[in-house]
Amino acid sequence: MLVCSCNVISKSAIETVIREFLDNDPWQLITPGKVYHAMKKRGQCCGCFPNIINIIISETEMHHRRAETPEAAILPFIARIRSEYDRTQALRRQIEENRLLRSV
């Protein structure tokens, strides 16, 4: 499945990068920018960032469940990742609003 059409990046490629990060440090905060940097790419329109964050959340959660990390440790960590998602959603809305204002 294609996640980023600007850079032609598949979901499986993103999942692979995320798993590599988690294998090195399962508690690091992984962001779309960090994923793109590891792939030697740049976010262009950044419309894919919300989907990438969903993939990060999913992969991180699965990693910690396979490692049998206690639920009390997983939940606050996933909450941090979700706050990054909320931040990118707010930025995306702001970009869209700016585009609409410029087109008027």
C-alpha atoms as a PDB file:
ATOM      1  CA  MET A   1       0.000   0.000   0.000  1.00  0.00           C
ATOM      2  CA  LEU A   2       1.338   3.420  -0.962  1.00  0.00           C
ATOM      3  CA  VAL A   3       1.381   5.835   1.989  1.00  0.00           C
ATOM      4  CA  CYS A   4       3.347   8.750   0.526  1.00  0.00           C
ATOM      5  CA  SER A   5       2.674   9.474  -3.115  1.00  0.00           C
ATOM      6  CA  CYS A   6       5.084  12.438  -3.207  1.00  0.00           C
ATOM      7  CA  ASN A   7       8.062  10.203  -2.380  1.00  0.00           C
ATOM      8  CA  VAL A   8       6.500   6.878  -3.470  1.00  0.00           C
ATOM      9  CA  ILE A   9       6.894   5.216  -0.065  1.00  0.00           C
ATOM     10  CA  SER A  10       5.010   2.064   0.840  1.00  0.00           C
ATOM     11  CA  LYS A  11       3.517   1.112   4.169  1.00  0.00           C
ATOM     12  CA  SER A  12       5.864  -1.871   4.445  1.00  0.00           C
ATOM     13  CA  ALA A  13       8.928   0.368   3.941  1.00  0.00           C
ATOM     14  CA  ILE A  14       7.724   2.658   6.737  1.00  0.00           C
ATOM     15  CA  GLU A  15       6.994  -0.304   9.017  1.00  0.00           C
ATOM     16  CA  THR A  16      10.504  -1.661   8.420  1.00  0.00           C
ATOM     17  CA  VAL A  17      12.118   1.635   9.439  1.00  0.00           C
ATOM     18  CA  ILE A  18       9.935   1.863  12.542  1.00  0.00           C
ATOM     19  CA  ARG A  19      10.811  -1.696  13.581  1.00  0.00           C
ATOM     20  CA  GLU A  20      14.522  -0.899  13.199  1.00  0.00           C
ATOM     21  CA  PHE A  21      14.108   2.133  15.459  1.00  0.00           C
ATOM     22  CA  LEU A  22      12.204   0.073  18.033  1.00  0.00           C
ATOM     23  CA  ASP A  23      14.808  -2.706  17.949  1.00  0.00           C
ATOM     24  CA  ASN A  24      17.483  -0.112  18.786  1.00  0.00           C
ATOM     25  CA  ASP A  25      15.472   1.715  21.455  1.00  0.00           C
ATOM     26  CA  PRO A  26      11.880   0.654  22.173  1.00  0.00           C
ATOM     27  CA  TRP A  27      11.168   3.824  24.188  1.00  0.00           C
ATOM     28  CA  GLN A  28      12.249   6.467  21.721  1.00  0.00           C
ATOM     29  CA  LEU A  29       9.677   8.847  20.330  1.00  0.00           C
ATOM     30  CA  ILE A  30       9.452   8.175  16.606  1.00  0.00           C
ATOM     31  CA  THR A  31       8.112  10.982  14.445  1.00  0.00           C
ATOM     32  CA  PRO A  32       7.345  11.141  10.724  1.00  0.00           C
ATOM     33  CA  GLY A  33      10.354  13.430  10.273  1.00  0.00           C
ATOM     34  CA  LYS A  34      12.604  10.857  11.892  1.00  0.00           C
ATOM     35  CA  VAL A  35      11.209   8.109   9.639  1.00  0.00           C
ATOM     36  CA  TYR A  36      11.742  10.247   6.529  1.00  0.00           C
ATOM     37  CA  HIS A  37      15.272  11.177   7.608  1.00  0.00           C
ATOM     38  CA  ALA A  38      16.152   7.486   8.029  1.00  0.00           C
ATOM     39  CA  MET A  39      14.853   6.863   4.510  1.00  0.00           C
ATOM     40  CA  LYS A  40      16.831   9.851   3.189  1.00  0.00           C
ATOM     41  CA  LYS A  41      13.576  11.527   2.133  1.00  0.00           C
ATOM     42  CA  ARG A  42      11.772  14.749   3.007  1.00  0.00           C
ATOM     43  CA  GLY A  43       8.139  15.403   3.685  1.00  0.00           C
ATOM     44  CA  GLN A  44       6.856  17.433   0.762  1.00  0.00           C
ATOM     45  CA  CYS A  45       3.138  18.060   1.113  1.00  0.00           C
ATOM     46  CA  CYS A  46       3.104  16.237   4.509  1.00  0.00           C
ATOM     47  CA  GLY A  47      -0.422  15.010   3.861  1.00  0.00           C
ATOM     48  CA  CYS A  48       0.775  11.499   4.668  1.00  0.00           C
ATOM     49  CA  PHE A  49       2.043  12.401   8.153  1.00  0.00           C
ATOM     50  CA  PRO A  50      -1.232  11.504   9.940  1.00  0.00           C
ATOM     51  CA  ASN A  51      -1.149   8.066   8.303  1.00  0.00           C
ATOM     52  CA  ILE A  52       2.508   7.633   9.194  1.00  0.00           C
ATOM     53  CA  ILE A  53       1.754   8.481  12.810  1.00  0.00           C
ATOM     54  CA  ASN A  54      -0.998   5.846  12.818  1.00  0.00           C
ATOM     55  CA  ILE A  55       1.543   3.319  11.521  1.00  0.00           C
ATOM     56  CA  ILE A  56       4.047   4.406  14.192  1.00  0.00           C
ATOM     57  CA  ILE A  57       1.416   3.941  16.911  1.00  0.00           C
ATOM     58  CA  SER A  58       0.403   0.545  15.590  1.00  0.00           C
ATOM     59  CA  GLU A  59       3.972  -0.756  15.191  1.00  0.00           C
ATOM     60  CA  THR A  60       5.034   0.599  18.590  1.00  0.00           C
ATOM     61  CA  GLU A  61       2.053  -0.966  20.311  1.00  0.00           C
ATOM     62  CA  MET A  62       2.649  -4.334  18.600  1.00  0.00           C
ATOM     63  CA  HIS A  63       6.353  -4.201  19.475  1.00  0.00           C
ATOM     64  CA  HIS A  64       5.645  -3.643  23.165  1.00  0.00           C
ATOM     65  CA  ARG A  65       2.902  -6.280  23.266  1.00  0.00           C
ATOM     66  CA  ARG A  66       5.264  -8.856  21.716  1.00  0.00           C
ATOM     67  CA  ALA A  67       7.869  -7.851  24.306  1.00  0.00           C
ATOM     68  CA  GLU A  68       5.183  -8.275  26.990  1.00  0.00           C
ATOM     69  CA  THR A  69       5.751  -4.755  28.284  1.00  0.00           C
ATOM     70  CA  PRO A  70       3.389  -4.024  31.197  1.00  0.00           C
ATOM     71  CA  GLU A  71       0.248  -2.186  30.118  1.00  0.00           C
ATOM     72  CA  ALA A  72       0.949   0.603  32.631  1.00  0.00           C
ATOM     73  CA  ALA A  73       4.155   1.402  30.749  1.00  0.00           C
ATOM     74  CA  ILE A  74       2.660   1.180  27.260  1.00  0.00           C
ATOM     75  CA  LEU A  75      -0.335   3.490  27.745  1.00  0.00           C
ATOM     76  CA  PRO A  76       1.531   6.727  28.653  1.00  0.00           C
ATOM     77  CA  PHE A  77       3.997   6.116  25.844  1.00  0.00           C
ATOM     78  CA  ILE A  78       1.241   5.638  23.276  1.00  0.00           C
ATOM     79  CA  ALA A  79      -0.402   8.807  24.641  1.00  0.00           C
ATOM     80  CA  ARG A  80       2.805  10.726  23.826  1.00  0.00           C
ATOM     81  CA  ILE A  81       2.707   9.426  20.279  1.00  0.00           C
ATOM     82  CA  ARG A  82      -0.968  10.349  19.952  1.00  0.00           C
ATOM     83  CA  SER A  83      -0.168  13.893  21.100  1.00  0.00           C
ATOM     84  CA  GLU A  84       2.296  14.111  18.195  1.00  0.00           C
ATOM     85  CA  TYR A  85      -0.531  13.029  15.913  1.00  0.00           C
ATOM     86  CA  ASP A  86      -2.781  15.754  17.313  1.00  0.00           C
ATOM     87  CA  ARG A  87      -0.014  18.299  16.749  1.00  0.00           C
ATOM     88  CA  THR A  88       0.394  17.308  13.098  1.00  0.00           C
ATOM     89  CA  GLN A  89      -3.362  17.386  12.559  1.00  0.00           C
ATOM     90  CA  ALA A  90      -3.447  20.952  13.881  1.00  0.00           C
ATOM     91  CA  LEU A  91      -0.586  21.917  11.563  1.00  0.00           C
ATOM     92  CA  ARG A  92      -2.311  20.285   8.614  1.00  0.00           C
ATOM     93  CA  ARG A  93      -5.509  22.222   9.322  1.00  0.00           C
ATOM     94  CA  GLN A  94      -3.498  25.435   9.579  1.00  0.00           C
ATOM     95  CA  ILE A  95      -1.800  24.767   6.232  1.00  0.00           C
ATOM     96  CA  GLU A  96      -5.151  24.085   4.599  1.00  0.00           C
ATOM     97  CA  GLU A  97      -6.620  27.281   6.033  1.00  0.00           C
ATOM     98  CA  ASN A  98      -3.636  29.267   4.745  1.00  0.00           C
ATOM     99  CA  ARG A  99      -4.059  27.716   1.272  1.00  0.00           C
ATOM    100  CA  LEU A 100      -7.721  28.646   1.232  1.00  0.00           C
ATOM    101  CA  LEU A 101      -6.977  32.215   2.288  1.00  0.00           C
ATOM    102  CA  ARG A 102      -4.321  32.585  -0.427  1.00  0.00           C
ATOM    103  CA  SER A 103      -6.679  31.296  -3.097  1.00  0.00           C
ATOM    104  CA  VAL A 104      -9.352  33.905  -2.275  1.00  0.00           C
END
